[in-house]
Amino acid sequence: MLRKTFTTAALTLVAATSLVAIPAAANAEVYCGAGYNVVHQSDMHNYTKSWGTVYLAYNSSTGKNCVTVVKSNYVGTATWTNVTLTVQGGSSYGVSETVKYYGGPVYASARGACVKYSAIIEAPSGARAIGGRSTWGNCG
């Protein structure tokens, strides 16, 4: 019985570790859906420590962009995040939520337009890490 419990616990640990260890850039479809590819990314830093990465993905078939933030610090701890996507000459789209692993996704149609994006991760202490791109890019 002890051996079975240990094996189950080990498999659970491996599964949980694998979930957290998935590189988001290689798995844009996991966060945004089929057909999305990461076209830009930005590290989320609070001073010198990385708290995660914010990803901009694009689906060339639909002309939609997708933004999501994946935590690398405070993983498994519920923290507040904000994800925003702005289309030049259009609207801003965003979501604020408390998450354990990743925030978003946020979608916007942007075929033929430039976009900028941002994300915030807030620690339990209230400190924040910010990332994204504040200039227009990925025009198409």
C-alpha atoms as a PDB file:
ATOM      1  CA  MET A   1       0.000   0.000   0.000  1.00  0.00           C
ATOM      2  CA  LEU A   2       2.860   2.380   0.834  1.00  0.00           C
ATOM      3  CA  ARG A   3       4.467   1.709  -2.551  1.00  0.00           C
ATOM      4  CA  LYS A   4       1.199   2.447  -4.398  1.00  0.00           C
ATOM      5  CA  THR A   5       0.752   5.718  -2.476  1.00  0.00           C
ATOM      6  CA  PHE A   6       4.335   6.753  -3.221  1.00  0.00           C
ATOM      7  CA  THR A   7       3.905   5.982  -6.943  1.00  0.00           C
ATOM      8  CA  THR A   8       0.647   7.928  -7.120  1.00  0.00           C
ATOM      9  CA  ALA A   9       2.252  10.874  -5.329  1.00  0.00           C
ATOM     10  CA  ALA A  10       5.268  10.779  -7.656  1.00  0.00           C
ATOM     11  CA  LEU A  11       3.058  10.716 -10.762  1.00  0.00           C
ATOM     12  CA  THR A  12       1.002  13.608  -9.403  1.00  0.00           C
ATOM     13  CA  LEU A  13       4.188  15.587  -8.796  1.00  0.00           C
ATOM     14  CA  VAL A  14       5.453  14.852 -12.307  1.00  0.00           C
ATOM     15  CA  ALA A  15       2.115  15.875 -13.825  1.00  0.00           C
ATOM     16  CA  ALA A  16       1.993  19.104 -11.824  1.00  0.00           C
ATOM     17  CA  THR A  17       5.603  19.912 -12.661  1.00  0.00           C
ATOM     18  CA  SER A  18       4.987  19.247 -16.343  1.00  0.00           C
ATOM     19  CA  LEU A  19       2.008  21.611 -16.337  1.00  0.00           C
ATOM     20  CA  VAL A  20       4.087  24.451 -14.933  1.00  0.00           C
ATOM     21  CA  ALA A  21       7.145  23.707 -17.064  1.00  0.00           C
ATOM     22  CA  ILE A  22       5.418  24.010 -20.466  1.00  0.00           C
ATOM     23  CA  PRO A  23       7.166  26.811 -22.390  1.00  0.00           C
ATOM     24  CA  ALA A  24       4.357  29.136 -23.484  1.00  0.00           C
ATOM     25  CA  ALA A  25       6.062  30.262 -26.692  1.00  0.00           C
ATOM     26  CA  ALA A  26       6.118  26.697 -27.953  1.00  0.00           C
ATOM     27  CA  ASN A  27       2.514  26.150 -26.900  1.00  0.00           C
ATOM     28  CA  ALA A  28       0.576  29.263 -27.950  1.00  0.00           C
ATOM     29  CA  GLU A  29      -2.328  26.992 -28.883  1.00  0.00           C
ATOM     30  CA  VAL A  30      -2.574  25.861 -25.243  1.00  0.00           C
ATOM     31  CA  TYR A  31      -3.334  29.429 -24.149  1.00  0.00           C
ATOM     32  CA  CYS A  32      -4.930  31.013 -27.245  1.00  0.00           C
ATOM     33  CA  GLY A  33      -6.329  28.153 -29.324  1.00  0.00           C
ATOM     34  CA  ALA A  34      -5.568  26.384 -32.577  1.00  0.00           C
ATOM     35  CA  GLY A  35      -3.688  28.334 -35.226  1.00  0.00           C
ATOM     36  CA  TYR A  36      -2.003  30.896 -32.946  1.00  0.00           C
ATOM     37  CA  ASN A  37       1.760  31.458 -33.094  1.00  0.00           C
ATOM     38  CA  VAL A  38       3.790  33.684 -30.774  1.00  0.00           C
ATOM     39  CA  VAL A  39       5.025  36.770 -32.679  1.00  0.00           C
ATOM     40  CA  HIS A  40       6.419  38.815 -29.767  1.00  0.00           C
ATOM     41  CA  GLN A  41       7.107  38.372 -26.069  1.00  0.00           C
ATOM     42  CA  SER A  42       8.287  40.410 -23.100  1.00  0.00           C
ATOM     43  CA  ASP A  43       9.733  39.360 -19.760  1.00  0.00           C
ATOM     44  CA  MET A  44       7.901  40.559 -16.659  1.00  0.00           C
ATOM     45  CA  HIS A  45      10.442  41.973 -14.204  1.00  0.00           C
ATOM     46  CA  ASN A  46      10.232  43.405 -10.745  1.00  0.00           C
ATOM     47  CA  TYR A  47      13.673  44.983 -10.417  1.00  0.00           C
ATOM     48  CA  THR A  48      16.002  42.112 -11.343  1.00  0.00           C
ATOM     49  CA  LYS A  49      13.733  39.115 -10.726  1.00  0.00           C
ATOM     50  CA  SER A  50      11.595  37.688 -13.531  1.00  0.00           C
ATOM     51  CA  TRP A  51       7.987  37.016 -12.540  1.00  0.00           C
ATOM     52  CA  GLY A  52       6.789  35.699 -15.886  1.00  0.00           C
ATOM     53  CA  THR A  53       6.404  36.400 -19.589  1.00  0.00           C
ATOM     54  CA  VAL A  54       3.680  38.142 -21.570  1.00  0.00           C
ATOM     55  CA  TYR A  55       3.083  36.712 -25.048  1.00  0.00           C
ATOM     56  CA  LEU A  56       1.534  38.223 -28.172  1.00  0.00           C
ATOM     57  CA  ALA A  57       0.263  35.549 -30.563  1.00  0.00           C
ATOM     58  CA  TYR A  58      -1.329  35.874 -33.995  1.00  0.00           C
ATOM     59  CA  ASN A  59      -3.637  33.676 -36.033  1.00  0.00           C
ATOM     60  CA  SER A  60      -3.078  34.435 -39.727  1.00  0.00           C
ATOM     61  CA  SER A  61      -6.266  32.602 -40.735  1.00  0.00           C
ATOM     62  CA  THR A  62      -8.554  34.734 -38.569  1.00  0.00           C
ATOM     63  CA  GLY A  63      -6.501  37.960 -38.360  1.00  0.00           C
ATOM     64  CA  LYS A  64      -6.819  37.921 -34.583  1.00  0.00           C
ATOM     65  CA  ASN A  65      -4.167  38.640 -31.986  1.00  0.00           C
ATOM     66  CA  CYS A  66      -4.085  37.034 -28.549  1.00  0.00           C
ATOM     67  CA  VAL A  67      -2.249  38.129 -25.411  1.00  0.00           C
ATOM     68  CA  THR A  68      -1.606  36.042 -22.315  1.00  0.00           C
ATOM     69  CA  VAL A  69       0.755  36.276 -19.344  1.00  0.00           C
ATOM     70  CA  VAL A  70       2.379  33.149 -17.894  1.00  0.00           C
ATOM     71  CA  LYS A  71       3.704  33.341 -14.346  1.00  0.00           C
ATOM     72  CA  SER A  72       7.150  32.031 -13.372  1.00  0.00           C
ATOM     73  CA  ASN A  73       7.064  33.485  -9.857  1.00  0.00           C
ATOM     74  CA  TYR A  74       4.191  32.901  -7.396  1.00  0.00           C
ATOM     75  CA  VAL A  75       3.153  29.910  -9.538  1.00  0.00           C
ATOM     76  CA  GLY A  76       0.288  28.120  -7.805  1.00  0.00           C
ATOM     77  CA  THR A  77      -0.445  31.153  -5.624  1.00  0.00           C
ATOM     78  CA  ALA A  78      -3.539  33.153  -6.532  1.00  0.00           C
ATOM     79  CA  THR A  79      -2.345  36.632  -7.555  1.00  0.00           C
ATOM     80  CA  TRP A  80      -3.980  39.494  -9.431  1.00  0.00           C
ATOM     81  CA  THR A  81      -3.074  39.957 -13.100  1.00  0.00           C
ATOM     82  CA  ASN A  82      -4.088  42.358 -15.830  1.00  0.00           C
ATOM     83  CA  VAL A  83      -3.679  41.693 -19.565  1.00  0.00           C
ATOM     84  CA  THR A  84      -4.356  44.383 -22.203  1.00  0.00           C
ATOM     85  CA  LEU A  85      -4.302  44.397 -26.019  1.00  0.00           C
ATOM     86  CA  THR A  86      -4.765  47.660 -27.968  1.00  0.00           C
ATOM     87  CA  VAL A  87      -5.421  47.910 -31.716  1.00  0.00           C
ATOM     88  CA  GLN A  88      -4.183  51.102 -33.407  1.00  0.00           C
ATOM     89  CA  GLY A  89      -7.167  53.133 -34.560  1.00  0.00           C
ATOM     90  CA  GLY A  90      -9.421  50.695 -32.705  1.00  0.00           C
ATOM     91  CA  SER A  91     -10.181  49.670 -29.172  1.00  0.00           C
ATOM     92  CA  SER A  92      -8.389  48.322 -26.126  1.00  0.00           C
ATOM     93  CA  TYR A  93      -9.349  44.948 -24.738  1.00  0.00           C
ATOM     94  CA  GLY A  94      -8.378  43.637 -21.335  1.00  0.00           C
ATOM     95  CA  VAL A  95      -9.045  41.343 -18.452  1.00  0.00           C
ATOM     96  CA  SER A  96      -8.189  41.680 -14.762  1.00  0.00           C
ATOM     97  CA  GLU A  97      -8.363  38.482 -12.763  1.00  0.00           C
ATOM     98  CA  THR A  98      -6.860  36.508  -9.905  1.00  0.00           C
ATOM     99  CA  VAL A  99      -4.968  33.509 -11.274  1.00  0.00           C
ATOM    100  CA  LYS A 100      -2.564  30.765 -10.182  1.00  0.00           C
ATOM    101  CA  TYR A 101      -0.720  30.032 -13.440  1.00  0.00           C
ATOM    102  CA  TYR A 102      -1.565  32.403 -16.311  1.00  0.00           C
ATOM    103  CA  GLY A 103      -3.740  35.409 -17.093  1.00  0.00           C
ATOM    104  CA  GLY A 104      -5.871  35.962 -20.167  1.00  0.00           C
ATOM    105  CA  PRO A 105      -6.182  35.244 -22.957  1.00  0.00           C
ATOM    106  CA  VAL A 106      -7.383  38.530 -24.486  1.00  0.00           C
ATOM    107  CA  TYR A 107      -8.316  38.602 -28.185  1.00  0.00           C
ATOM    108  CA  ALA A 108      -8.711  41.358 -30.790  1.00  0.00           C
ATOM    109  CA  SER A 109      -9.144  41.446 -34.560  1.00  0.00           C
ATOM    110  CA  ALA A 110      -6.156  43.319 -35.974  1.00  0.00           C
ATOM    111  CA  ARG A 111      -5.704  42.362 -39.626  1.00  0.00           C
ATOM    112  CA  GLY A 112      -4.049  45.349 -41.326  1.00  0.00           C
ATOM    113  CA  ALA A 113      -3.512  47.197 -38.021  1.00  0.00           C
ATOM    114  CA  CYS A 114      -0.688  47.598 -35.510  1.00  0.00           C
ATOM    115  CA  VAL A 115      -1.000  46.475 -31.902  1.00  0.00           C
ATOM    116  CA  LYS A 116       0.569  47.082 -28.515  1.00  0.00           C
ATOM    117  CA  TYR A 117       0.110  44.976 -25.414  1.00  0.00           C
ATOM    118  CA  SER A 118       0.863  44.880 -21.700  1.00  0.00           C
ATOM    119  CA  ALA A 119       0.487  42.788 -18.583  1.00  0.00           C
ATOM    120  CA  ILE A 120       0.826  43.226 -14.835  1.00  0.00           C
ATOM    121  CA  ILE A 121       1.419  40.584 -12.185  1.00  0.00           C
ATOM    122  CA  GLU A 122       0.810  41.680  -8.605  1.00  0.00           C
ATOM    123  CA  ALA A 123       2.470  39.816  -5.717  1.00  0.00           C
ATOM    124  CA  PRO A 124       0.629  39.045  -2.469  1.00  0.00           C
ATOM    125  CA  SER A 125       2.633  41.939  -0.937  1.00  0.00           C
ATOM    126  CA  GLY A 126       1.229  44.373  -3.530  1.00  0.00           C
ATOM    127  CA  ALA A 127       4.508  44.733  -5.472  1.00  0.00           C
ATOM    128  CA  ARG A 128       4.073  44.581  -9.247  1.00  0.00           C
ATOM    129  CA  ALA A 129       5.934  43.364 -12.324  1.00  0.00           C
ATOM    130  CA  ILE A 130       5.049  44.951 -15.658  1.00  0.00           C
ATOM    131  CA  GLY A 131       5.824  43.857 -19.214  1.00  0.00           C
ATOM    132  CA  GLY A 132       4.715  44.230 -22.787  1.00  0.00           C
ATOM    133  CA  ARG A 133       5.322  46.632 -25.629  1.00  0.00           C
ATOM    134  CA  SER A 134       4.212  50.262 -25.427  1.00  0.00           C
ATOM    135  CA  THR A 135       4.960  51.052 -29.086  1.00  0.00           C
ATOM    136  CA  TRP A 136       2.952  49.966 -32.108  1.00  0.00           C
ATOM    137  CA  GLY A 137       4.192  46.824 -33.817  1.00  0.00           C
ATOM    138  CA  ASN A 138       3.225  43.584 -35.547  1.00  0.00           C
ATOM    139  CA  CYS A 139       1.375  45.582 -38.164  1.00  0.00           C
ATOM    140  CA  GLY A 140      -0.308  43.425 -40.683  1.00  0.00           C
END
